[in-house]
Amino acid sequence: MLTETSKYSLSDLAERFQLELHGEASHLVDSVGTLRSATPTQVSFLANPAYRSELESSRAGVIIVKPEDAKTCPGNYFIASDPYLAYARLAKIFDVFHRADPGVHPTAFVAPDARLGSDVSIGPKAVIGPNCQIGDGSVVGAGTIIEAEARLGRQCRLYSNVSIGQKVTLGDRVVVHPGVVIGGDGFGIAFAVDHWEKVPQLGGVRIGDDCEIGANSTIDRGAIDDTVLEEDVRVDNLVQIAHNVHIGAHTAIAAQVGIAGSTTIGRYCMFGGQAGVNGHISVADRVNISARSTIYHSIEKAGGTWSSMFPSLPLKEWQRGVKRLRELDDLARRVDALEESPENSRDKTQGKKKT
């Protein structure tokens, strides 16, 4: 359900979000925009120095800036130590996509023994399986399937076509975007002489409060124990989290990351897009993994940034680098041969005698 956005005076916003206002207190704004496109009724911000050149020509009704950028603001502005964070908090009041109306759509199926809290919304053709529990104020989108014994906390938001497997537990205020599969079988197979046999996946998935799972991501159920995401873990689109992975609180994972089974990720970590993590290893707290890096071994020291990716180069430079890389093995053999030569051995012996 869409609702109209209200208009807010700059003085109201300054008071509500603890911002220092410079400009016309009674000026009204009703939405947000970029520095380049914003109109006089919109809020914008400057966080990335790359966009500083757009500041002076911006027509925004108010701009959130750091103190050092205030002198070049053309009109009204808010001062914030972290403009992006201030914008994130302020922009929420302009979000017109409010919750759906409470109730169960006539085309949805809810098992007789499922328990729905107050003000729950179940969308068209959604399925709520036996012995499920849906917390107060939660929204289940169209076509979403929640299998037996799953648990959703309060004020969760499951968008359309989400699949929640058996024995999956979501905490409060968890957001799950379209196409996500939580609780599918992990990749467990055992080789028996000439064929593969499936290893039963008997665990579940536990996701903490305030987590968000991006579109078309998958989180596998555990093989024996549960796969776990602690509170406030943020997962982007198209991420694969394998069985029995444990991810610490406040970790953020960008698109197309793959984390292999039985890996433990610490708290406050960040993973760049397309990074890969080997199975049965651990990553300490507050570790940053650069985009497209592959982590083969445990990282035991907290903090720091790890990377295993070559930055892009002009084609000719890249070709020269690859050619030299291929020659390294031959070069190493030649160095070894020189070190083992009679002349080199004699020089080393004479050097030892002199000392």
Protein backbone atom coordinates (compact mmCIF):
# COMPACT_ATOMS: atom_id res chain seq x y z
CA MET A 1 0.00 0.00 0.00
CA LEU A 2 1.34 3.42 -0.99
CA THR A 3 0.69 6.52 1.08
CA GLU A 4 1.43 10.14 0.41
CA THR A 5 4.60 11.55 1.87
CA SER A 6 4.32 14.45 4.29
CA LYS A 7 6.18 17.72 4.02
CA TYR A 8 8.69 18.56 6.76
CA SER A 9 10.26 21.84 7.73
CA LEU A 10 14.03 21.97 8.04
CA SER A 11 13.72 22.93 11.69
CA ASP A 12 11.62 19.78 12.33
CA LEU A 13 14.23 17.59 10.63
CA ALA A 14 17.11 19.26 12.46
CA GLU A 15 15.45 18.61 15.81
CA ARG A 16 14.38 15.05 15.01
CA PHE A 17 17.76 13.91 13.67
CA GLN A 18 20.05 16.07 15.83
CA LEU A 19 21.47 18.03 12.88
CA GLU A 20 22.93 21.53 12.88
CA LEU A 21 20.86 23.64 10.49
CA HIS A 22 22.16 26.64 8.53
CA GLY A 23 19.48 28.36 6.46
CA GLU A 24 15.73 28.90 6.34
CA ALA A 25 14.13 26.96 9.20
CA SER A 26 10.62 27.07 7.69
CA HIS A 27 11.64 25.69 4.28
CA LEU A 28 9.63 22.53 3.43
CA VAL A 29 10.92 19.32 1.84
CA ASP A 30 9.04 16.18 0.85
CA SER A 31 11.53 13.74 -0.74
CA VAL A 32 15.19 13.06 -1.55
CA GLY A 33 17.37 13.49 -4.62
CA THR A 34 20.96 13.45 -5.85
CA LEU A 35 23.03 16.62 -5.88
CA ARG A 36 22.64 16.85 -9.63
CA SER A 37 18.90 16.17 -9.91
CA ALA A 38 17.42 17.43 -6.62
CA THR A 39 14.76 20.15 -6.66
CA PRO A 40 14.11 22.82 -4.00
CA THR A 41 11.69 20.47 -2.20
CA GLN A 42 14.24 17.65 -1.85
CA VAL A 43 17.01 16.64 0.56
CA SER A 44 20.44 15.68 -0.77
CA PHE A 45 23.85 14.92 0.71
CA LEU A 46 27.58 14.96 -0.05
CA ALA A 47 29.58 12.04 1.32
CA ASN A 48 31.88 11.05 -1.55
CA PRO A 49 34.48 13.73 -2.50
CA ALA A 50 34.12 12.61 -6.13
CA TYR A 51 30.80 14.52 -6.25
CA ARG A 52 32.07 17.72 -4.65
CA SER A 53 32.06 19.49 -8.03
CA GLU A 54 28.25 19.12 -8.13
CA LEU A 55 27.72 20.83 -4.79
CA GLU A 56 27.80 24.48 -5.82
CA SER A 57 25.30 24.03 -8.68
CA SER A 58 22.85 21.84 -6.74
CA ARG A 59 19.25 23.11 -6.42
CA ALA A 60 18.42 20.86 -3.45
CA GLY A 61 16.26 22.36 -0.70
CA VAL A 62 18.83 21.27 1.87
CA ILE A 63 22.14 19.39 1.65
CA ILE A 64 23.76 17.29 4.37
CA VAL A 65 27.51 17.99 4.43
CA LYS A 66 30.61 17.69 6.57
CA PRO A 67 31.81 20.91 8.25
CA GLU A 68 34.64 21.35 5.74
CA ASP A 69 32.19 21.37 2.79
CA ALA A 70 29.78 23.90 4.29
CA LYS A 71 31.48 26.96 2.80
CA THR A 72 30.66 25.88 -0.77
CA CYS A 73 26.98 25.09 -0.13
CA PRO A 74 24.72 27.29 -2.28
CA GLY A 75 21.75 27.37 0.12
CA ASN A 76 20.36 25.57 3.14
CA TYR A 77 22.49 22.83 4.68
CA PHE A 78 22.77 20.46 7.63
CA ILE A 79 26.13 19.77 9.27
CA ALA A 80 26.89 16.11 10.07
CA SER A 81 30.11 14.28 10.89
CA ASP A 82 28.89 11.40 8.69
CA PRO A 83 26.56 12.77 5.98
CA TYR A 84 25.77 9.34 4.53
CA LEU A 85 24.64 7.95 7.88
CA ALA A 86 22.62 11.09 8.58
CA TYR A 87 20.99 10.77 5.14
CA ALA A 88 20.17 7.08 5.73
CA ARG A 89 18.32 7.92 8.93
CA LEU A 90 16.53 10.94 7.51
CA ALA A 91 15.49 9.28 4.24
CA LYS A 92 13.43 6.67 6.08
CA ILE A 93 10.66 9.18 6.71
CA PHE A 94 10.23 9.60 2.94
CA ASP A 95 9.83 5.87 2.28
CA VAL A 96 6.32 5.64 0.77
CA PHE A 97 6.30 1.83 0.57
CA HIS A 98 4.57 1.23 3.85
CA ARG A 99 3.46 -2.14 5.19
CA ALA A 100 0.62 -4.01 3.58
CA ASP A 101 -2.75 -4.09 5.28
CA PRO A 102 -3.06 -6.80 7.96
CA GLY A 103 -4.98 -9.94 7.05
CA VAL A 104 -4.76 -13.15 5.05
CA HIS A 105 -5.38 -12.93 1.31
CA PRO A 106 -8.17 -15.25 0.09
CA THR A 107 -5.78 -17.14 -2.20
CA ALA A 108 -3.20 -17.81 0.54
CA PHE A 109 -3.00 -21.11 2.45
CA VAL A 110 -2.39 -21.12 6.19
CA ALA A 111 -2.12 -24.49 7.96
CA PRO A 112 -4.72 -24.91 10.71
CA ASP A 113 -2.08 -25.21 13.44
CA ALA A 114 0.02 -22.25 12.26
CA ARG A 115 0.09 -19.35 14.72
CA LEU A 116 -0.18 -15.81 13.40
CA GLY A 117 0.53 -12.82 15.63
CA SER A 118 -1.39 -9.57 15.59
CA ASP A 119 -1.38 -7.31 12.51
CA VAL A 120 0.21 -9.98 10.31
CA SER A 121 -0.19 -9.67 6.52
CA ILE A 122 -0.18 -12.78 4.30
CA GLY A 123 -0.08 -12.00 0.57
CA PRO A 124 -1.68 -13.68 -2.45
CA LYS A 125 -0.85 -17.38 -2.96
CA ALA A 126 1.50 -17.47 0.01
CA VAL A 127 1.77 -20.78 1.90
CA ILE A 128 2.24 -21.04 5.67
CA GLY A 129 3.05 -24.64 6.63
CA PRO A 130 2.14 -26.73 9.68
CA ASN A 131 3.23 -25.55 13.12
CA CYS A 132 4.71 -22.30 11.79
CA GLN A 133 4.80 -19.17 13.90
CA ILE A 134 4.60 -15.65 12.44
CA GLY A 135 5.38 -12.78 14.82
CA ASP A 136 3.36 -9.59 15.35
CA GLY A 137 3.38 -7.12 12.48
CA SER A 138 5.23 -9.39 10.03
CA VAL A 139 4.51 -9.30 6.31
CA VAL A 140 4.67 -12.35 4.03
CA GLY A 141 4.69 -11.40 0.36
CA ALA A 142 2.92 -12.93 -2.62
CA GLY A 143 3.97 -16.46 -3.57
CA THR A 144 6.21 -16.90 -0.54
CA ILE A 145 6.38 -20.40 0.96
CA ILE A 146 7.15 -21.01 4.64
CA GLU A 147 7.57 -24.71 5.40
CA ALA A 148 6.73 -26.63 8.55
CA GLU A 149 8.01 -25.50 11.95
CA ALA A 150 9.55 -22.28 10.71
CA ARG A 151 9.56 -19.28 13.02
CA LEU A 152 9.41 -15.59 12.12
CA GLY A 153 9.92 -12.91 14.76
CA ARG A 154 8.14 -9.59 15.03
CA GLN A 155 7.96 -7.07 12.17
CA CYS A 156 9.74 -9.24 9.62
CA ARG A 157 9.28 -8.39 5.95
CA LEU A 158 9.41 -11.24 3.42
CA TYR A 159 8.97 -10.01 -0.13
CA SER A 160 7.52 -12.04 -2.99
CA ASN A 161 8.57 -15.59 -3.91
CA VAL A 162 10.75 -16.23 -0.88
CA SER A 163 11.30 -19.84 0.23
CA ILE A 164 11.75 -20.55 3.94
CA GLY A 165 12.58 -24.20 4.67
CA GLN A 166 11.72 -26.38 7.63
CA LYS A 167 13.15 -25.50 11.03
CA VAL A 168 14.31 -22.04 9.90
CA THR A 169 14.17 -19.33 12.56
CA LEU A 170 14.20 -15.61 11.81
CA GLY A 171 14.61 -13.01 14.56
CA ASP A 172 12.80 -9.69 14.79
CA ARG A 173 12.79 -7.12 11.95
CA VAL A 174 14.46 -9.42 9.43
CA VAL A 175 14.07 -8.31 5.79
CA VAL A 176 14.20 -10.94 3.04
CA HIS A 177 14.10 -9.80 -0.59
CA PRO A 178 12.50 -11.58 -3.58
CA GLY A 179 13.77 -14.97 -4.69
CA VAL A 180 15.74 -15.78 -1.53
CA VAL A 181 15.97 -19.43 -0.44
CA ILE A 182 16.72 -20.00 3.24
CA GLY A 183 16.98 -23.58 4.43
CA GLY A 184 17.63 -25.48 1.22
CA ASP A 185 19.85 -28.54 1.49
CA GLY A 186 23.57 -28.00 1.76
CA PHE A 187 25.91 -29.62 -0.75
CA GLY A 188 26.57 -32.82 1.15
CA ILE A 189 27.58 -35.88 -0.90
CA ALA A 190 29.77 -38.91 -0.23
CA PHE A 191 31.51 -40.89 -2.99
CA ALA A 192 30.81 -44.64 -2.91
CA VAL A 193 33.30 -46.35 -5.30
CA ASP A 194 31.51 -45.40 -8.52
CA HIS A 195 28.72 -43.00 -7.58
CA TRP A 196 27.69 -40.22 -5.23
CA GLU A 197 25.38 -40.71 -2.27
CA LYS A 198 23.54 -37.82 -0.64
CA VAL A 199 24.36 -36.92 2.95
CA PRO A 200 21.14 -35.94 4.77
CA GLN A 201 21.03 -32.31 5.82
CA LEU A 202 19.38 -32.47 9.23
CA GLY A 203 20.13 -29.05 10.71
CA GLY A 204 18.30 -25.76 10.34
CA VAL A 205 19.07 -22.07 9.86
CA ARG A 206 19.02 -19.42 12.59
CA ILE A 207 19.04 -15.75 11.61
CA GLY A 208 19.31 -13.02 14.24
CA ASP A 209 17.47 -9.74 14.68
CA ASP A 210 17.76 -6.91 12.13
CA CYS A 211 19.38 -8.99 9.38
CA GLU A 212 18.72 -8.30 5.70
CA ILE A 213 19.07 -10.86 2.89
CA GLY A 214 19.36 -9.58 -0.70
CA ALA A 215 17.45 -10.87 -3.72
CA ASN A 216 18.17 -14.39 -5.00
CA SER A 217 20.64 -15.21 -2.24
CA THR A 218 20.74 -18.70 -0.72
CA ILE A 219 21.47 -19.84 2.83
CA ASP A 220 21.73 -23.62 3.23
CA ARG A 221 20.51 -25.57 6.24
CA GLY A 222 23.14 -27.23 8.39
CA ALA A 223 24.20 -30.82 7.90
CA ILE A 224 23.92 -31.56 11.64
CA ASP A 225 24.04 -28.30 13.60
CA ASP A 226 22.43 -25.10 12.31
CA THR A 227 23.74 -22.52 9.90
CA VAL A 228 23.83 -19.25 11.87
CA LEU A 229 23.75 -15.54 11.07
CA GLU A 230 24.02 -13.42 14.20
CA GLU A 231 22.21 -10.09 14.56
CA ASP A 232 22.50 -7.23 12.04
CA VAL A 233 24.22 -9.23 9.31
CA ARG A 234 23.66 -7.59 5.91
CA VAL A 235 23.76 -9.81 2.82
CA ASP A 236 23.59 -8.40 -0.72
CA ASN A 237 22.06 -10.05 -3.80
CA LEU A 238 23.20 -13.40 -5.23
CA VAL A 239 25.23 -14.52 -2.23
CA GLN A 240 25.76 -18.22 -1.43
CA ILE A 241 26.16 -19.20 2.24
CA ALA A 242 26.77 -22.93 2.59
CA HIS A 243 25.80 -25.36 5.33
CA ASN A 244 27.03 -24.83 8.89
CA VAL A 245 28.54 -21.42 8.18
CA HIS A 246 28.52 -19.12 11.22
CA ILE A 247 28.59 -15.38 10.52
CA GLY A 248 29.23 -12.92 13.34
CA ALA A 249 27.09 -9.90 14.12
CA HIS A 250 27.23 -6.69 12.02
CA THR A 251 29.10 -8.31 9.12
CA ALA A 252 28.30 -7.01 5.61
CA ILE A 253 28.60 -9.17 2.49
CA ALA A 254 28.43 -7.71 -1.03
CA ALA A 255 26.95 -9.33 -4.13
CA GLN A 256 28.05 -12.72 -5.52
CA VAL A 257 30.15 -13.72 -2.53
CA GLY A 258 30.44 -17.47 -1.92
CA ILE A 259 31.19 -18.89 1.53
CA ALA A 260 31.90 -22.63 1.65
CA GLY A 261 30.65 -24.97 4.35
CA SER A 262 31.59 -25.00 8.03
CA THR A 263 33.37 -21.66 7.86
CA THR A 264 33.24 -19.20 10.75
CA ILE A 265 33.20 -15.48 9.98
CA GLY A 266 33.84 -12.97 12.76
CA ARG A 267 31.95 -9.86 13.79
CA TYR A 268 32.09 -6.54 11.90
CA CYS A 269 33.70 -8.09 8.81
CA MET A 270 33.17 -6.78 5.28
CA PHE A 271 33.33 -8.80 2.06
CA GLY A 272 33.64 -7.16 -1.36
CA GLY A 273 31.73 -8.43 -4.38
CA GLN A 274 32.57 -11.90 -5.77
CA ALA A 275 34.92 -12.76 -2.93
CA GLY A 276 35.22 -16.47 -2.13
CA VAL A 277 35.94 -18.17 1.18
CA ASN A 278 37.20 -21.74 1.51
CA GLY A 279 35.41 -24.24 3.75
CA HIS A 280 36.35 -25.29 7.29
CA ILE A 281 38.35 -22.13 8.03
CA SER A 282 37.79 -19.09 10.22
CA VAL A 283 38.05 -15.33 9.71
CA ALA A 284 38.70 -13.08 12.72
CA ASP A 285 36.66 -10.01 13.70
CA ARG A 286 36.77 -6.76 11.71
CA VAL A 287 38.55 -8.24 8.71
CA ASN A 288 37.90 -6.65 5.29
CA ILE A 289 38.10 -8.84 2.18
CA SER A 290 38.56 -6.99 -1.11
CA ALA A 291 36.35 -7.69 -4.09
CA ARG A 292 37.08 -10.91 -6.02
CA SER A 293 39.59 -12.13 -3.45
CA THR A 294 39.80 -15.79 -2.49
CA ILE A 295 40.54 -16.78 1.10
CA TYR A 296 42.07 -20.27 1.31
CA HIS A 297 43.38 -20.27 4.90
CA SER A 298 42.15 -19.01 8.24
CA ILE A 299 42.75 -15.36 9.13
CA GLU A 300 43.50 -15.34 12.85
CA LYS A 301 44.49 -11.70 13.37
CA ALA A 302 41.60 -9.28 13.84
CA GLY A 303 41.37 -6.22 11.63
CA GLY A 304 43.17 -5.42 8.38
CA THR A 305 42.32 -5.80 4.71
CA TRP A 306 43.08 -8.87 2.61
CA SER A 307 43.20 -9.04 -1.17
CA SER A 308 44.24 -11.60 -3.76
CA MET A 309 43.02 -9.81 -6.89
CA PHE A 310 45.13 -8.19 -9.60
CA PRO A 311 43.75 -4.71 -10.46
CA SER A 312 42.88 -4.16 -14.10
CA LEU A 313 45.64 -2.91 -16.43
CA PRO A 314 45.84 -1.78 -20.05
CA LEU A 315 45.82 -4.88 -22.25
CA LYS A 316 49.45 -4.62 -23.38
CA GLU A 317 50.70 -4.30 -19.79
CA TRP A 318 48.57 -7.25 -18.70
CA GLN A 319 49.90 -9.41 -21.56
CA ARG A 320 53.50 -8.56 -20.65
CA GLY A 321 52.80 -9.40 -17.00
CA VAL A 322 51.25 -12.79 -17.90
CA LYS A 323 54.19 -13.58 -20.18
CA ARG A 324 56.66 -12.88 -17.37
CA LEU A 325 54.58 -14.87 -14.92
CA ARG A 326 54.82 -17.89 -17.22
CA GLU A 327 58.60 -17.45 -17.35
CA LEU A 328 59.02 -17.43 -13.54
CA ASP A 329 59.31 -21.22 -13.23
CA ASP A 330 62.07 -21.37 -15.85
CA LEU A 331 63.84 -18.42 -14.18
CA ALA A 332 63.67 -20.12 -10.78
CA ARG A 333 65.22 -23.32 -12.21
CA ARG A 334 68.05 -21.33 -13.78
CA VAL A 335 68.75 -19.54 -10.47
CA ASP A 336 68.79 -22.88 -8.63
CA ALA A 337 71.21 -24.29 -11.22
CA LEU A 338 73.53 -21.30 -10.84
CA GLU A 339 73.54 -21.61 -7.05
CA GLU A 340 74.40 -25.32 -7.29
CA SER A 341 77.19 -24.85 -9.89
CA PRO A 342 80.79 -25.78 -8.87
CA GLU A 343 81.98 -22.20 -9.29
CA ASN A 344 79.27 -20.85 -7.00
CA SER A 345 79.87 -23.59 -4.42
CA ARG A 346 83.63 -22.82 -4.44
CA ASP A 347 82.96 -19.09 -3.96
CA LYS A 348 80.69 -19.83 -1.00
CA THR A 349 83.35 -22.13 0.59
CA GLN A 350 86.08 -19.53 0.16
CA GLY A 351 83.84 -16.86 1.65
CA LYS A 352 83.28 -18.97 4.77
CA LYS A 353 87.05 -19.56 5.16
CA LYS A 354 87.77 -15.83 4.98
CA THR A 355 85.30 -15.08 7.74
